Amino acid sequence: MKQKVEHYQYAVLEEAASILASIDMPAHLRNPRCVMTLAACAGLSKQGDWKHTSENYKGTHEIIEFINKHFPNKASLDTQGYQENSRETFRDETLKKWISAGIMEDKPGLSTNSKDNAYRFTSQFAALLRSYGTKSWDDALKEYRKTHTSYADILKQAKELQRGYEINFDDYEINLKQTAHNKLQIEVLKTFVPNFTEEAVLLYIADAKERKGKGNEKLRKELGIDIFDKSTLMPDIVLYDKPRKRILFIEAYNSTGEFTVDRVNSIKALCHCPPGTEVAFITAFWDLKTALRVFSKIAWDTDIWIVEDETHMIHKNGDRFLGRPL
């Protein structure tokens, strides 16, 4: 079937195509199948009048039946009409997308793939359709577009989000891919640092899959840290708290990577820091449940930070904090 149609032989399909374009629906959601679906859901055939737009629920079988009856052979764009095995295509490639676009809704209380599911226009979109061809159309369209984000914009925003996480930290523009692991790294910079070491400078951070990271390489060399050539030991984030002369090695735990005794000792062996330099090893988790799963593996004299309790830390280091003022 032709996918690009300049003119339909049915006026109502020409109008349906125009309506979809007017609300900035992306091209793949105003193809011939979508155009005919719009008319079918509105209950309008070739002699239809948009002021009679239906708000009744219609299932995919009913939509296909309507199109085959009123727009034979897919509006003469093909040699045959839609078959029953097209129902999934209508549901997944048009109707569900239109639900995301905010112009349709499905029956409540049913699973999205239920054979009993049916669809109808939202009341706001149905009201807009009823104004088509009247003097109030331009004003109604203007108001609708003012109060509804177009699906083209929704997709654009989603695409921008998928590019990854962006943050400016210590004058470095940091861009990480959108993964659960990297999201936790960003949380460390946004939440942990202000709470516990707000004057820290960035020595190193990188995407989990791209070990070449950003950070103050000159200061790293001055501090005598050599782990950056040892990718298997490299923590996710390394900070330096200048006022306290403290290096912070931080691991964002996703499914592995906690600071074990062996890993801590290996990193320490590669650090040749000036006298008086302190070090902290911190394993970061999203929640306590995850932290408890690997608690026994985490080395003593290291620390645990949990996002869900962001203003506190667990110090796995015995008598260092034994006793405090009443």
C-alpha atoms as a PDB file:
ATOM      1  CA  MET A   1       0.000   0.000   0.000  1.00  0.00           C
ATOM      2  CA  LYS A   2       1.136   3.520  -0.729  1.00  0.00           C
ATOM      3  CA  GLN A   3       2.419   5.275   2.375  1.00  0.00           C
ATOM      4  CA  LYS A   4       2.724   8.780   0.957  1.00  0.00           C
ATOM      5  CA  VAL A   5      -0.572  10.054  -0.373  1.00  0.00           C
ATOM      6  CA  GLU A   6      -0.991  13.520  -1.818  1.00  0.00           C
ATOM      7  CA  HIS A   7      -4.758  13.299  -2.197  1.00  0.00           C
ATOM      8  CA  TYR A   8      -7.358  10.849  -0.924  1.00  0.00           C
ATOM      9  CA  GLN A   9     -10.448  10.161  -2.996  1.00  0.00           C
ATOM     10  CA  TYR A  10     -12.611  10.580   0.103  1.00  0.00           C
ATOM     11  CA  ALA A  11     -13.072  14.106   1.474  1.00  0.00           C
ATOM     12  CA  VAL A  12     -13.266  12.893   5.066  1.00  0.00           C
ATOM     13  CA  LEU A  13      -9.796  11.325   4.763  1.00  0.00           C
ATOM     14  CA  GLU A  14      -8.377  14.522   3.329  1.00  0.00           C
ATOM     15  CA  GLU A  15      -9.811  16.302   6.363  1.00  0.00           C
ATOM     16  CA  ALA A  16      -8.509  13.674   8.784  1.00  0.00           C
ATOM     17  CA  ALA A  17      -5.001  14.054   7.334  1.00  0.00           C
ATOM     18  CA  SER A  18      -5.278  17.824   7.688  1.00  0.00           C
ATOM     19  CA  ILE A  19      -6.395  17.545  11.327  1.00  0.00           C
ATOM     20  CA  LEU A  20      -3.505  15.276  12.254  1.00  0.00           C
ATOM     21  CA  ALA A  21      -1.047  17.651  10.589  1.00  0.00           C
ATOM     22  CA  SER A  22      -2.605  20.650  12.381  1.00  0.00           C
ATOM     23  CA  ILE A  23      -1.820  19.172  15.810  1.00  0.00           C
ATOM     24  CA  ASP A  24       1.754  18.430  14.716  1.00  0.00           C
ATOM     25  CA  MET A  25       1.361  14.657  14.718  1.00  0.00           C
ATOM     26  CA  PRO A  26       4.594  13.062  13.388  1.00  0.00           C
ATOM     27  CA  ALA A  27       4.466  11.826   9.790  1.00  0.00           C
ATOM     28  CA  HIS A  28       4.528   8.121  10.735  1.00  0.00           C
ATOM     29  CA  LEU A  29       1.345   8.664  12.772  1.00  0.00           C
ATOM     30  CA  ARG A  30      -0.594  10.295   9.970  1.00  0.00           C
ATOM     31  CA  ASN A  31       0.018   7.678   7.304  1.00  0.00           C
ATOM     32  CA  PRO A  32      -3.005   6.185   5.450  1.00  0.00           C
ATOM     33  CA  ARG A  33      -3.734   3.621   8.183  1.00  0.00           C
ATOM     34  CA  CYS A  34      -3.752   6.383  10.798  1.00  0.00           C
ATOM     35  CA  VAL A  35      -5.860   8.700   8.653  1.00  0.00           C
ATOM     36  CA  MET A  36      -8.488   5.994   8.128  1.00  0.00           C
ATOM     37  CA  THR A  37      -8.347   5.053  11.814  1.00  0.00           C
ATOM     38  CA  LEU A  38      -9.121   8.636  12.786  1.00  0.00           C
ATOM     39  CA  ALA A  39     -12.173   8.684  10.538  1.00  0.00           C
ATOM     40  CA  ALA A  40     -13.286   5.249  11.766  1.00  0.00           C
ATOM     41  CA  CYS A  41     -12.989   6.175  15.440  1.00  0.00           C
ATOM     42  CA  ALA A  42     -14.949   9.342  14.731  1.00  0.00           C
ATOM     43  CA  GLY A  43     -17.584   7.199  13.003  1.00  0.00           C
ATOM     44  CA  LEU A  44     -17.364   9.248   9.822  1.00  0.00           C
ATOM     45  CA  SER A  45     -17.574   7.817   6.309  1.00  0.00           C
ATOM     46  CA  LYS A  46     -17.154   9.655   3.009  1.00  0.00           C
ATOM     47  CA  GLN A  47     -20.131  11.903   3.695  1.00  0.00           C
ATOM     48  CA  GLY A  48     -19.189  12.505   7.344  1.00  0.00           C
ATOM     49  CA  ASP A  49     -19.555  15.714   9.286  1.00  0.00           C
ATOM     50  CA  TRP A  50     -17.004  16.266  12.081  1.00  0.00           C
ATOM     51  CA  LYS A  51     -19.581  17.855  14.375  1.00  0.00           C
ATOM     52  CA  HIS A  52     -21.003  14.330  14.741  1.00  0.00           C
ATOM     53  CA  THR A  53     -17.693  12.882  15.968  1.00  0.00           C
ATOM     54  CA  SER A  54     -18.289   9.821  18.150  1.00  0.00           C
ATOM     55  CA  GLU A  55     -16.849   9.326  21.625  1.00  0.00           C
ATOM     56  CA  ASN A  56     -17.871   5.664  21.788  1.00  0.00           C
ATOM     57  CA  TYR A  57     -15.274   2.991  22.481  1.00  0.00           C
ATOM     58  CA  LYS A  58     -14.243   1.010  19.405  1.00  0.00           C
ATOM     59  CA  GLY A  59     -12.166  -2.155  19.316  1.00  0.00           C
ATOM     60  CA  THR A  60      -9.628  -2.953  16.623  1.00  0.00           C
ATOM     61  CA  HIS A  61     -12.019  -5.423  14.961  1.00  0.00           C
ATOM     62  CA  GLU A  62     -14.704  -2.740  14.722  1.00  0.00           C
ATOM     63  CA  ILE A  63     -12.216  -0.198  13.342  1.00  0.00           C
ATOM     64  CA  ILE A  64     -11.005  -2.592  10.633  1.00  0.00           C
ATOM     65  CA  GLU A  65     -14.592  -3.535   9.766  1.00  0.00           C
ATOM     66  CA  PHE A  66     -15.555   0.153   9.424  1.00  0.00           C
ATOM     67  CA  ILE A  67     -12.569   0.956   7.186  1.00  0.00           C
ATOM     68  CA  ASN A  68     -13.167  -2.040   4.910  1.00  0.00           C
ATOM     69  CA  LYS A  69     -16.820  -1.119   4.543  1.00  0.00           C
ATOM     70  CA  HIS A  70     -16.486   2.627   3.961  1.00  0.00           C
ATOM     71  CA  PHE A  71     -12.995   2.878   2.408  1.00  0.00           C
ATOM     72  CA  PRO A  72     -12.723  -0.296   0.240  1.00  0.00           C
ATOM     73  CA  ASN A  73      -9.272  -1.658  -0.537  1.00  0.00           C
ATOM     74  CA  LYS A  74      -7.731   0.772   1.942  1.00  0.00           C
ATOM     75  CA  ALA A  75      -9.280   3.777   0.195  1.00  0.00           C
ATOM     76  CA  SER A  76      -8.230   2.321  -3.184  1.00  0.00           C
ATOM     77  CA  LEU A  77      -4.572   2.414  -2.181  1.00  0.00           C
ATOM     78  CA  ASP A  78      -4.291  -1.375  -2.276  1.00  0.00           C
ATOM     79  CA  THR A  79      -5.859  -4.362  -3.987  1.00  0.00           C
ATOM     80  CA  GLN A  80      -7.425  -5.688  -0.794  1.00  0.00           C
ATOM     81  CA  GLY A  81      -8.728  -4.446   2.535  1.00  0.00           C
ATOM     82  CA  TYR A  82      -7.286  -4.918   6.020  1.00  0.00           C
ATOM     83  CA  GLN A  83      -7.223  -8.475   7.356  1.00  0.00           C
ATOM     84  CA  GLU A  84      -8.038  -9.515  10.920  1.00  0.00           C
ATOM     85  CA  ASN A  85      -4.377 -10.248  11.557  1.00  0.00           C
ATOM     86  CA  SER A  86      -3.784  -6.490  11.201  1.00  0.00           C
ATOM     87  CA  ARG A  87      -5.383  -5.855  14.595  1.00  0.00           C
ATOM     88  CA  GLU A  88      -2.058  -5.906  16.423  1.00  0.00           C
ATOM     89  CA  THR A  89      -0.608  -3.379  13.984  1.00  0.00           C
ATOM     90  CA  PHE A  90      -3.547  -1.020  14.541  1.00  0.00           C
ATOM     91  CA  ARG A  91      -3.216  -1.406  18.297  1.00  0.00           C
ATOM     92  CA  ASP A  92       0.567  -1.116  18.626  1.00  0.00           C
ATOM     93  CA  GLU A  93       1.471   1.203  15.765  1.00  0.00           C
ATOM     94  CA  THR A  94      -1.435   3.660  15.907  1.00  0.00           C
ATOM     95  CA  LEU A  95      -3.797   3.453  18.876  1.00  0.00           C
ATOM     96  CA  LYS A  96      -1.213   3.009  21.639  1.00  0.00           C
ATOM     97  CA  LYS A  97       0.886   5.780  20.148  1.00  0.00           C
ATOM     98  CA  TRP A  98      -2.150   8.059  20.092  1.00  0.00           C
ATOM     99  CA  ILE A  99      -2.755   7.287  23.753  1.00  0.00           C
ATOM    100  CA  SER A 100       0.798   8.473  24.427  1.00  0.00           C
ATOM    101  CA  ALA A 101       0.026  11.537  22.319  1.00  0.00           C
ATOM    102  CA  GLY A 102      -2.965  12.306  24.517  1.00  0.00           C
ATOM    103  CA  ILE A 103      -5.678  12.166  21.843  1.00  0.00           C
ATOM    104  CA  MET A 104      -7.071   8.718  22.720  1.00  0.00           C
ATOM    105  CA  GLU A 105      -7.746   6.627  25.803  1.00  0.00           C
ATOM    106  CA  ASP A 106      -8.379   2.929  26.310  1.00  0.00           C
ATOM    107  CA  LYS A 107     -10.921   1.182  28.493  1.00  0.00           C
ATOM    108  CA  PRO A 108      -9.931   1.308  32.165  1.00  0.00           C
ATOM    109  CA  GLY A 109      -9.337  -1.892  34.074  1.00  0.00           C
ATOM    110  CA  LEU A 110      -8.073  -3.940  31.127  1.00  0.00           C
ATOM    111  CA  SER A 111      -4.542  -4.936  30.222  1.00  0.00           C
ATOM    112  CA  THR A 112      -3.149  -3.100  27.219  1.00  0.00           C
ATOM    113  CA  ASN A 113      -3.116  -6.311  25.146  1.00  0.00           C
ATOM    114  CA  SER A 114      -6.548  -7.576  26.197  1.00  0.00           C
ATOM    115  CA  LYS A 115      -8.727  -8.810  23.320  1.00  0.00           C
ATOM    116  CA  ASP A 116     -11.598  -6.880  24.927  1.00  0.00           C
ATOM    117  CA  ASN A 117      -9.812  -3.562  24.868  1.00  0.00           C
ATOM    118  CA  ALA A 118     -11.337  -0.655  22.985  1.00  0.00           C
ATOM    119  CA  TYR A 119     -10.420   2.948  22.371  1.00  0.00           C
ATOM    120  CA  ARG A 120     -12.039   6.362  22.128  1.00  0.00           C
ATOM    121  CA  PHE A 121     -10.973   9.979  21.739  1.00  0.00           C
ATOM    122  CA  THR A 122     -10.258  12.006  24.855  1.00  0.00           C
ATOM    123  CA  SER A 123     -13.025  14.493  25.544  1.00  0.00           C
ATOM    124  CA  GLN A 124     -10.723  17.439  24.755  1.00  0.00           C
ATOM    125  CA  PHE A 125      -9.689  16.036  21.384  1.00  0.00           C
ATOM    126  CA  ALA A 126     -13.255  15.042  20.523  1.00  0.00           C
ATOM    127  CA  ALA A 127     -14.333  18.625  21.234  1.00  0.00           C
ATOM    128  CA  LEU A 128     -11.617  19.886  18.911  1.00  0.00           C
ATOM    129  CA  LEU A 129     -12.719  17.492  16.146  1.00  0.00           C
ATOM    130  CA  ARG A 130     -16.313  18.705  16.422  1.00  0.00           C
ATOM    131  CA  SER A 131     -15.179  22.240  15.696  1.00  0.00           C
ATOM    132  CA  TYR A 132     -13.500  21.235  12.427  1.00  0.00           C
ATOM    133  CA  GLY A 133     -15.114  22.944   9.448  1.00  0.00           C
ATOM    134  CA  THR A 134     -16.790  25.568  11.638  1.00  0.00           C
ATOM    135  CA  LYS A 135     -15.946  29.213  12.319  1.00  0.00           C
ATOM    136  CA  SER A 136     -14.607  28.259  15.724  1.00  0.00           C
ATOM    137  CA  TRP A 137     -11.965  25.824  14.385  1.00  0.00           C
ATOM    138  CA  ASP A 138      -9.039  28.262  14.342  1.00  0.00           C
ATOM    139  CA  ASP A 139      -9.679  29.457  17.905  1.00  0.00           C
ATOM    140  CA  ALA A 140     -10.316  25.913  19.148  1.00  0.00           C
ATOM    141  CA  LEU A 141      -7.101  24.666  17.532  1.00  0.00           C
ATOM    142  CA  LYS A 142      -5.115  27.557  18.983  1.00  0.00           C
ATOM    143  CA  GLU A 143      -6.461  26.844  22.467  1.00  0.00           C
ATOM    144  CA  TYR A 144      -5.871  23.105  22.114  1.00  0.00           C
ATOM    145  CA  ARG A 145      -2.258  23.581  21.061  1.00  0.00           C
ATOM    146  CA  LYS A 146      -1.737  26.021  23.909  1.00  0.00           C
ATOM    147  CA  THR A 147      -2.858  23.464  26.494  1.00  0.00           C
ATOM    148  CA  HIS A 148      -1.525  20.238  24.918  1.00  0.00           C
ATOM    149  CA  THR A 149       2.066  19.305  24.117  1.00  0.00           C
ATOM    150  CA  SER A 150       2.255  17.929  20.595  1.00  0.00           C
ATOM    151  CA  TYR A 151       3.408  14.343  20.212  1.00  0.00           C
ATOM    152  CA  ALA A 152       6.249  15.546  18.009  1.00  0.00           C
ATOM    153  CA  ASP A 153       7.497  17.621  20.960  1.00  0.00           C
ATOM    154  CA  ILE A 154       6.976  14.707  23.357  1.00  0.00           C
ATOM    155  CA  LEU A 155       9.128  12.472  21.148  1.00  0.00           C
ATOM    156  CA  LYS A 156      11.739  15.197  20.816  1.00  0.00           C
ATOM    157  CA  GLN A 157      11.923  15.594  24.606  1.00  0.00           C
ATOM    158  CA  ALA A 158      12.182  11.830  25.041  1.00  0.00           C
ATOM    159  CA  LYS A 159      15.009  11.704  22.519  1.00  0.00           C
ATOM    160  CA  GLU A 160      16.856  14.451  24.354  1.00  0.00           C
ATOM    161  CA  LEU A 161      16.489  12.537  27.620  1.00  0.00           C
ATOM    162  CA  GLN A 162      17.855   9.401  25.987  1.00  0.00           C
ATOM    163  CA  ARG A 163      21.024  11.227  25.084  1.00  0.00           C
ATOM    164  CA  GLY A 164      22.085  10.798  28.677  1.00  0.00           C
ATOM    165  CA  TYR A 165      22.722  12.674  31.889  1.00  0.00           C
ATOM    166  CA  GLU A 166      24.370  16.071  31.860  1.00  0.00           C
ATOM    167  CA  ILE A 167      25.772  17.982  34.797  1.00  0.00           C
ATOM    168  CA  ASN A 168      28.300  20.752  35.331  1.00  0.00           C
ATOM    169  CA  PHE A 169      30.554  19.857  38.245  1.00  0.00           C
ATOM    170  CA  ASP A 170      33.744  21.641  39.254  1.00  0.00           C
ATOM    171  CA  ASP A 171      33.618  23.480  35.888  1.00  0.00           C
ATOM    172  CA  TYR A 172      33.559  20.189  33.973  1.00  0.00           C
ATOM    173  CA  GLU A 173      30.683  19.476  31.571  1.00  0.00           C
ATOM    174  CA  ILE A 174      29.919  15.842  32.314  1.00  0.00           C
ATOM    175  CA  ASN A 175      27.839  13.751  29.907  1.00  0.00           C
ATOM    176  CA  LEU A 176      27.037  10.154  30.795  1.00  0.00           C
ATOM    177  CA  LYS A 177      24.900   7.635  28.944  1.00  0.00           C
ATOM    178  CA  GLN A 178      21.461   6.937  30.340  1.00  0.00           C
ATOM    179  CA  THR A 179      22.003   3.850  32.497  1.00  0.00           C
ATOM    180  CA  ALA A 180      21.055   3.013  36.084  1.00  0.00           C
ATOM    181  CA  HIS A 181      24.749   2.973  36.999  1.00  0.00           C
ATOM    182  CA  ASN A 182      25.418   6.412  35.550  1.00  0.00           C
ATOM    183  CA  LYS A 183      22.274   7.808  37.158  1.00  0.00           C
ATOM    184  CA  LEU A 184      23.722   6.838  40.526  1.00  0.00           C
ATOM    185  CA  GLN A 185      27.024   8.521  39.631  1.00  0.00           C
ATOM    186  CA  ILE A 186      25.133  11.742  38.931  1.00  0.00           C
ATOM    187  CA  GLU A 187      23.328  11.391  42.266  1.00  0.00           C
ATOM    188  CA  VAL A 188      26.689  11.163  44.016  1.00  0.00           C
ATOM    189  CA  LEU A 189      27.744  14.500  42.517  1.00  0.00           C
ATOM    190  CA  LYS A 190      24.384  16.194  43.068  1.00  0.00           C
ATOM    191  CA  THR A 191      23.592  14.921  46.567  1.00  0.00           C
ATOM    192  CA  PHE A 192      26.514  13.230  48.307  1.00  0.00           C
ATOM    193  CA  VAL A 193      29.065  15.949  47.591  1.00  0.00           C
ATOM    194  CA  PRO A 194      27.017  18.898  48.962  1.00  0.00           C
ATOM    195  CA  ASN A 195      26.175  16.887  52.084  1.00  0.00           C
ATOM    196  CA  PHE A 196      29.625  15.587  52.972  1.00  0.00           C
ATOM    197  CA  THR A 197      32.428  17.214  51.001  1.00  0.00           C
ATOM    198  CA  GLU A 198      31.140  20.346  49.309  1.00  0.00           C
ATOM    199  CA  GLU A 199      34.607  21.762  48.592  1.00  0.00           C
ATOM    200  CA  ALA A 200      35.804  18.642  46.774  1.00  0.00           C
ATOM    201  CA  VAL A 201      37.342  18.919  43.330  1.00  0.00           C
ATOM    202  CA  LEU A 202      36.944  16.319  40.611  1.00  0.00           C
ATOM    203  CA  LEU A 203      39.895  14.072  39.924  1.00  0.00           C
ATOM    204  CA  TYR A 204      38.042  11.538  37.811  1.00  0.00           C
ATOM    205  CA  ILE A 205      34.639  10.416  36.515  1.00  0.00           C
ATOM    206  CA  ALA A 206      33.718   8.391  33.433  1.00  0.00           C
ATOM    207  CA  ASP A 207      30.935   6.498  31.775  1.00  0.00           C
ATOM    208  CA  ALA A 208      31.007   2.856  32.855  1.00  0.00           C
ATOM    209  CA  LYS A 209      31.629   1.712  29.275  1.00  0.00           C
ATOM    210  CA  GLU A 210      34.125   4.437  28.403  1.00  0.00           C
ATOM    211  CA  ARG A 211      36.935   4.430  30.920  1.00  0.00           C
ATOM    212  CA  LYS A 212      38.561   7.558  29.531  1.00  0.00           C
ATOM    213  CA  GLY A 213      37.133  10.075  31.954  1.00  0.00           C
ATOM    214  CA  LYS A 214      37.178  13.716  32.957  1.00  0.00           C
ATOM    215  CA  GLY A 215      38.898  15.331  35.895  1.00  0.00           C
ATOM    216  CA  ASN A 216      41.961  17.232  37.059  1.00  0.00           C
ATOM    217  CA  GLU A 217      44.749  15.072  35.680  1.00  0.00           C
ATOM    218  CA  LYS A 218      47.456  17.505  36.805  1.00  0.00           C
ATOM    219  CA  LEU A 219      46.300  17.298  40.430  1.00  0.00           C
ATOM    220  CA  ARG A 220      46.035  13.507  40.198  1.00  0.00           C
ATOM    221  CA  LYS A 221      49.717  13.324  39.243  1.00  0.00           C
ATOM    222  CA  GLU A 222      50.668  15.758  42.004  1.00  0.00           C
ATOM    223  CA  LEU A 223      48.855  13.537  44.491  1.00  0.00           C
ATOM    224  CA  GLY A 224      50.654  10.444  43.171  1.00  0.00           C
ATOM    225  CA  ILE A 225      47.611   8.440  42.138  1.00  0.00           C
ATOM    226  CA  ASP A 226      48.496   5.830  39.484  1.00  0.00           C
ATOM    227  CA  ILE A 227      45.351   3.693  39.355  1.00  0.00           C
ATOM    228  CA  PHE A 228      44.085   5.295  36.150  1.00  0.00           C
ATOM    229  CA  ASP A 229      46.188   2.973  34.036  1.00  0.00           C
ATOM    230  CA  LYS A 230      44.671  -0.025  35.835  1.00  0.00           C
ATOM    231  CA  SER A 231      41.118  -0.187  34.464  1.00  0.00           C
ATOM    232  CA  THR A 232      40.101  -3.161  36.595  1.00  0.00           C
ATOM    233  CA  LEU A 233      40.802  -1.185  39.772  1.00  0.00           C
ATOM    234  CA  MET A 234      39.528   2.197  38.690  1.00  0.00           C
ATOM    235  CA  PRO A 235      36.663   3.491  40.884  1.00  0.00           C
ATOM    236  CA  ASP A 236      33.757   5.337  39.254  1.00  0.00           C
ATOM    237  CA  ILE A 237      34.474   8.693  40.875  1.00  0.00           C
ATOM    238  CA  VAL A 238      37.550  10.132  42.557  1.00  0.00           C
ATOM    239  CA  LEU A 239      37.359  13.435  44.440  1.00  0.00           C
ATOM    240  CA  TYR A 240      39.857  15.459  46.434  1.00  0.00           C
ATOM    241  CA  ASP A 241      38.797  17.406  49.511  1.00  0.00           C
ATOM    242  CA  LYS A 242      41.580  19.993  49.665  1.00  0.00           C
ATOM    243  CA  PRO A 243      40.821  21.478  53.111  1.00  0.00           C
ATOM    244  CA  ARG A 244      40.980  18.002  54.676  1.00  0.00           C
ATOM    245  CA  LYS A 245      43.709  16.673  52.358  1.00  0.00           C
ATOM    246  CA  ARG A 246      41.403  13.722  51.727  1.00  0.00           C
ATOM    247  CA  ILE A 247      41.032  11.610  48.584  1.00  0.00           C
ATOM    248  CA  LEU A 248      37.627  10.011  48.150  1.00  0.00           C
ATOM    249  CA  PHE A 249      37.319   6.889  46.020  1.00  0.00           C
ATOM    250  CA  ILE A 250      33.628   6.325  45.267  1.00  0.00           C
ATOM    251  CA  GLU A 251      31.996   3.327  43.610  1.00  0.00           C
ATOM    252  CA  ALA A 252      28.401   3.595  42.337  1.00  0.00           C
ATOM    253  CA  TYR A 253      27.119   0.078  42.974  1.00  0.00           C
ATOM    254  CA  ASN A 254      24.794  -1.316  40.333  1.00  0.00           C
ATOM    255  CA  SER A 255      25.408  -5.064  40.310  1.00  0.00           C
ATOM    256  CA  THR A 256      29.068  -5.296  41.277  1.00  0.00           C
ATOM    257  CA  GLY A 257      32.046  -3.186  42.277  1.00  0.00           C
ATOM    258  CA  GLU A 258      31.809  -2.818  46.079  1.00  0.00           C
ATOM    259  CA  PHE A 259      35.076  -2.002  47.858  1.00  0.00           C
ATOM    260  CA  THR A 260      36.355  -5.373  49.027  1.00  0.00           C
ATOM    261  CA  VAL A 261      39.515  -5.827  51.096  1.00  0.00           C
ATOM    262  CA  ASP A 262      41.518  -6.930  48.046  1.00  0.00           C
ATOM    263  CA  ARG A 263      40.360  -4.004  45.925  1.00  0.00           C
ATOM    264  CA  VAL A 264      41.086  -1.469  48.660  1.00  0.00           C
ATOM    265  CA  ASN A 265      44.575  -2.860  49.236  1.00  0.00           C
ATOM    266  CA  SER A 266      45.330  -2.891  45.503  1.00  0.00           C
ATOM    267  CA  ILE A 267      44.309   0.760  45.108  1.00  0.00           C
ATOM    268  CA  LYS A 268      46.279   1.800  48.171  1.00  0.00           C
ATOM    269  CA  ALA A 269      49.385   0.118  46.727  1.00  0.00           C
ATOM    270  CA  LEU A 270      49.121   2.319  43.643  1.00  0.00           C
ATOM    271  CA  CYS A 271      48.795   5.572  45.573  1.00  0.00           C
ATOM    272  CA  HIS A 272      52.010   7.421  46.387  1.00  0.00           C
ATOM    273  CA  CYS A 273      50.537  10.434  48.096  1.00  0.00           C
ATOM    274  CA  PRO A 274      52.211  13.171  50.157  1.00  0.00           C
ATOM    275  CA  PRO A 275      52.447  12.633  53.929  1.00  0.00           C
ATOM    276  CA  GLY A 276      49.288  13.608  55.770  1.00  0.00           C
ATOM    277  CA  THR A 277      46.939  12.642  52.922  1.00  0.00           C
ATOM    278  CA  GLU A 278      43.754  10.912  54.065  1.00  0.00           C
ATOM    279  CA  VAL A 279      41.756   8.445  52.018  1.00  0.00           C
ATOM    280  CA  ALA A 280      38.124   7.308  52.090  1.00  0.00           C
ATOM    281  CA  PHE A 281      36.562   4.424  50.188  1.00  0.00           C
ATOM    282  CA  ILE A 282      32.806   4.852  49.717  1.00  0.00           C
ATOM    283  CA  THR A 283      30.405   2.395  48.113  1.00  0.00           C
ATOM    284  CA  ALA A 284      27.199   4.179  47.017  1.00  0.00           C
ATOM    285  CA  PHE A 285      23.829   2.409  46.762  1.00  0.00           C
ATOM    286  CA  TRP A 286      20.300   3.413  45.828  1.00  0.00           C
ATOM    287  CA  ASP A 287      18.731   1.644  48.812  1.00  0.00           C
ATOM    288  CA  LEU A 288      19.502  -0.221  52.015  1.00  0.00           C
ATOM    289  CA  LYS A 289      18.122  -3.508  50.663  1.00  0.00           C
ATOM    290  CA  THR A 290      20.787  -3.582  47.939  1.00  0.00           C
ATOM    291  CA  ALA A 291      23.528  -2.564  50.360  1.00  0.00           C
ATOM    292  CA  LEU A 292      22.659  -5.376  52.760  1.00  0.00           C
ATOM    293  CA  ARG A 293      23.034  -7.972  50.000  1.00  0.00           C
ATOM    294  CA  VAL A 294      26.765  -7.283  49.755  1.00  0.00           C
ATOM    295  CA  PHE A 295      27.433  -5.828  53.204  1.00  0.00           C
ATOM    296  CA  SER A 296      29.593  -8.742  54.307  1.00  0.00           C
ATOM    297  CA  LYS A 297      31.861  -8.314  51.262  1.00  0.00           C
ATOM    298  CA  ILE A 298      32.530  -4.632  51.896  1.00  0.00           C
ATOM    299  CA  ALA A 299      35.865  -3.992  53.590  1.00  0.00           C
ATOM    300  CA  TRP A 300      36.140  -2.693  57.134  1.00  0.00           C
ATOM    301  CA  ASP A 301      37.423   0.867  57.396  1.00  0.00           C
ATOM    302  CA  THR A 302      35.359   1.873  54.379  1.00  0.00           C
ATOM    303  CA  ASP A 303      32.062   3.754  54.147  1.00  0.00           C
ATOM    304  CA  ILE A 304      28.607   3.223  52.690  1.00  0.00           C
ATOM    305  CA  TRP A 305      26.305   5.943  51.375  1.00  0.00           C
ATOM    306  CA  ILE A 306      22.672   5.240  50.482  1.00  0.00           C
ATOM    307  CA  VAL A 307      20.603   7.604  48.335  1.00  0.00           C
ATOM    308  CA  GLU A 308      17.327   6.914  50.146  1.00  0.00           C
ATOM    309  CA  ASP A 309      18.931   8.189  53.381  1.00  0.00           C
ATOM    310  CA  GLU A 310      21.114  10.811  51.767  1.00  0.00           C
ATOM    311  CA  THR A 311      22.147  12.838  54.831  1.00  0.00           C
ATOM    312  CA  HIS A 312      23.696   9.881  56.688  1.00  0.00           C
ATOM    313  CA  MET A 313      26.504   7.428  56.106  1.00  0.00           C
ATOM    314  CA  ILE A 314      27.326   3.975  57.417  1.00  0.00           C
ATOM    315  CA  HIS A 315      30.904   3.886  58.695  1.00  0.00           C
ATOM    316  CA  LYS A 316      32.118   0.317  58.626  1.00  0.00           C
ATOM    317  CA  ASN A 317      35.087   1.129  60.773  1.00  0.00           C
ATOM    318  CA  GLY A 318      34.538   0.057  64.359  1.00  0.00           C
ATOM    319  CA  ASP A 319      35.987   2.052  67.243  1.00  0.00           C
ATOM    320  CA  ARG A 320      36.879   5.152  65.256  1.00  0.00           C
ATOM    321  CA  PHE A 321      33.442   6.553  66.047  1.00  0.00           C
ATOM    322  CA  LEU A 322      32.917   4.705  69.332  1.00  0.00           C
ATOM    323  CA  GLY A 323      31.525   7.110  71.920  1.00  0.00           C
ATOM    324  CA  ARG A 324      30.175  10.601  71.404  1.00  0.00           C
ATOM    325  CA  PRO A 325      28.964  13.502  73.569  1.00  0.00           C
ATOM    326  CA  LEU A 326      25.592  13.009  75.284  1.00  0.00           C
END
